[in-house]
Amino acid sequence: MIINNTPTVTETPDAFVVNGITVPKMKRGQMSVYDPALIKAIGTDLFFQLVSPKKPVPIPDLGFTDAEWDDMEDQIRHDQ
């Protein structure tokens, strides 16, 4: 008897469906919360493979001047 442990994954615009279990996709700018039972049901490796960003998330420019950055770094050193 051969047992197939490969999950069946299909994709919709808003979710992944793994062996009939719907996993909503993460949406940029929106908090995503997943039920631990859902993660356990499909496995952590597959869960992270599906929902994690495929490219690094860019860090936005915060608009500080060089002088402001220097002041913040001085303050951090002072606080330590």
C-alpha atoms as a PDB file:
ATOM      1  CA  MET A   1       0.000   0.000   0.000  1.00  0.00           C
ATOM      2  CA  ILE A   2       1.383   3.429  -1.037  1.00  0.00           C
ATOM      3  CA  ILE A   3       0.441   6.462   1.050  1.00  0.00           C
ATOM      4  CA  ASN A   4       0.730   9.854  -0.651  1.00  0.00           C
ATOM      5  CA  ASN A   5       1.753  12.533   1.895  1.00  0.00           C
ATOM      6  CA  THR A   6       1.992  15.319  -0.683  1.00  0.00           C
ATOM      7  CA  PRO A   7      -0.627  17.975   0.096  1.00  0.00           C
ATOM      8  CA  THR A   8      -2.907  19.278  -2.621  1.00  0.00           C
ATOM      9  CA  VAL A   9      -2.557  23.064  -2.805  1.00  0.00           C
ATOM     10  CA  THR A  10      -4.730  25.326  -4.927  1.00  0.00           C
ATOM     11  CA  GLU A  11      -4.669  29.104  -4.993  1.00  0.00           C
ATOM     12  CA  THR A  12      -7.448  31.681  -5.219  1.00  0.00           C
ATOM     13  CA  PRO A  13      -6.950  35.460  -5.307  1.00  0.00           C
ATOM     14  CA  ASP A  14      -7.466  35.692  -1.503  1.00  0.00           C
ATOM     15  CA  ALA A  15      -6.387  32.314  -0.129  1.00  0.00           C
ATOM     16  CA  PHE A  16      -4.564  29.029  -0.491  1.00  0.00           C
ATOM     17  CA  VAL A  17      -6.541  25.809  -0.127  1.00  0.00           C
ATOM     18  CA  VAL A  18      -4.505  22.943   1.305  1.00  0.00           C
ATOM     19  CA  ASN A  19      -6.309  19.588   1.293  1.00  0.00           C
ATOM     20  CA  GLY A  20      -9.605  21.459   1.702  1.00  0.00           C
ATOM     21  CA  ILE A  21      -8.320  23.792   4.461  1.00  0.00           C
ATOM     22  CA  THR A  22      -8.511  27.486   3.531  1.00  0.00           C
ATOM     23  CA  VAL A  23      -5.493  29.607   4.479  1.00  0.00           C
ATOM     24  CA  PRO A  24      -6.106  33.338   3.886  1.00  0.00           C
ATOM     25  CA  LYS A  25      -3.274  35.245   2.233  1.00  0.00           C
ATOM     26  CA  MET A  26      -1.489  38.037   4.087  1.00  0.00           C
ATOM     27  CA  LYS A  27      -2.452  41.504   2.888  1.00  0.00           C
ATOM     28  CA  ARG A  28      -0.021  44.401   2.932  1.00  0.00           C
ATOM     29  CA  GLY A  29      -0.963  47.055   5.482  1.00  0.00           C
ATOM     30  CA  GLN A  30      -3.382  44.745   7.271  1.00  0.00           C
ATOM     31  CA  MET A  31      -2.830  42.625  10.363  1.00  0.00           C
ATOM     32  CA  SER A  32      -3.137  38.909   9.673  1.00  0.00           C
ATOM     33  CA  VAL A  33      -3.988  36.484  12.481  1.00  0.00           C
ATOM     34  CA  TYR A  34      -3.915  32.720  12.000  1.00  0.00           C
ATOM     35  CA  ASP A  35      -5.406  30.053  14.243  1.00  0.00           C
ATOM     36  CA  PRO A  36      -2.671  27.775  15.641  1.00  0.00           C
ATOM     37  CA  ALA A  37      -4.870  24.764  14.840  1.00  0.00           C
ATOM     38  CA  LEU A  38      -4.885  25.793  11.157  1.00  0.00           C
ATOM     39  CA  ILE A  39      -1.074  26.053  11.148  1.00  0.00           C
ATOM     40  CA  LYS A  40      -0.752  22.674  12.846  1.00  0.00           C
ATOM     41  CA  ALA A  41      -3.233  21.088  10.417  1.00  0.00           C
ATOM     42  CA  ILE A  42      -1.199  21.986   7.334  1.00  0.00           C
ATOM     43  CA  GLY A  43       2.252  21.972   8.970  1.00  0.00           C
ATOM     44  CA  THR A  44       4.453  24.916   9.878  1.00  0.00           C
ATOM     45  CA  ASP A  45       6.867  24.500   6.973  1.00  0.00           C
ATOM     46  CA  LEU A  46       4.114  24.565   4.366  1.00  0.00           C
ATOM     47  CA  PHE A  47       2.275  27.367   6.185  1.00  0.00           C
ATOM     48  CA  PHE A  48       5.313  29.662   6.139  1.00  0.00           C
ATOM     49  CA  GLN A  49       6.152  28.664   2.582  1.00  0.00           C
ATOM     50  CA  LEU A  50       2.677  29.768   1.474  1.00  0.00           C
ATOM     51  CA  VAL A  51       2.047  32.964   3.457  1.00  0.00           C
ATOM     52  CA  SER A  52       5.487  34.496   3.963  1.00  0.00           C
ATOM     53  CA  PRO A  53       6.611  37.313   1.657  1.00  0.00           C
ATOM     54  CA  LYS A  54       8.475  36.067  -1.405  1.00  0.00           C
ATOM     55  CA  LYS A  55      10.634  39.219  -1.598  1.00  0.00           C
ATOM     56  CA  PRO A  56      12.144  41.224   1.256  1.00  0.00           C
ATOM     57  CA  VAL A  57       9.749  43.834   2.630  1.00  0.00           C
ATOM     58  CA  PRO A  58      11.189  47.294   1.906  1.00  0.00           C
ATOM     59  CA  ILE A  59      11.808  49.535   4.906  1.00  0.00           C
ATOM     60  CA  PRO A  60      10.249  52.916   4.201  1.00  0.00           C
ATOM     61  CA  ASP A  61      12.282  56.110   4.350  1.00  0.00           C
ATOM     62  CA  LEU A  62      11.349  57.780   7.611  1.00  0.00           C
ATOM     63  CA  GLY A  63      12.348  61.231   6.399  1.00  0.00           C
ATOM     64  CA  PHE A  64      14.927  62.003   9.103  1.00  0.00           C
ATOM     65  CA  THR A  65      17.836  64.291   8.247  1.00  0.00           C
ATOM     66  CA  ASP A  66      21.419  63.184   8.880  1.00  0.00           C
ATOM     67  CA  ALA A  67      21.529  65.506  11.893  1.00  0.00           C
ATOM     68  CA  GLU A  68      18.368  63.914  13.336  1.00  0.00           C
ATOM     69  CA  TRP A  69      19.837  60.417  12.868  1.00  0.00           C
ATOM     70  CA  ASP A  70      23.038  61.553  14.610  1.00  0.00           C
ATOM     71  CA  ASP A  71      20.998  62.996  17.504  1.00  0.00           C
ATOM     72  CA  MET A  72      19.062  59.727  17.885  1.00  0.00           C
ATOM     73  CA  GLU A  73      22.259  57.660  17.836  1.00  0.00           C
ATOM     74  CA  ASP A  74      23.813  59.976  20.464  1.00  0.00           C
ATOM     75  CA  GLN A  75      20.709  59.578  22.623  1.00  0.00           C
ATOM     76  CA  ILE A  76      20.874  55.774  22.334  1.00  0.00           C
ATOM     77  CA  ARG A  77      24.531  55.787  23.371  1.00  0.00           C
ATOM     78  CA  HIS A  78      23.702  58.126  26.273  1.00  0.00           C
ATOM     79  CA  ASP A  79      20.805  55.911  27.460  1.00  0.00           C
ATOM     80  CA  GLN A  80      22.922  52.740  27.568  1.00  0.00           C
END
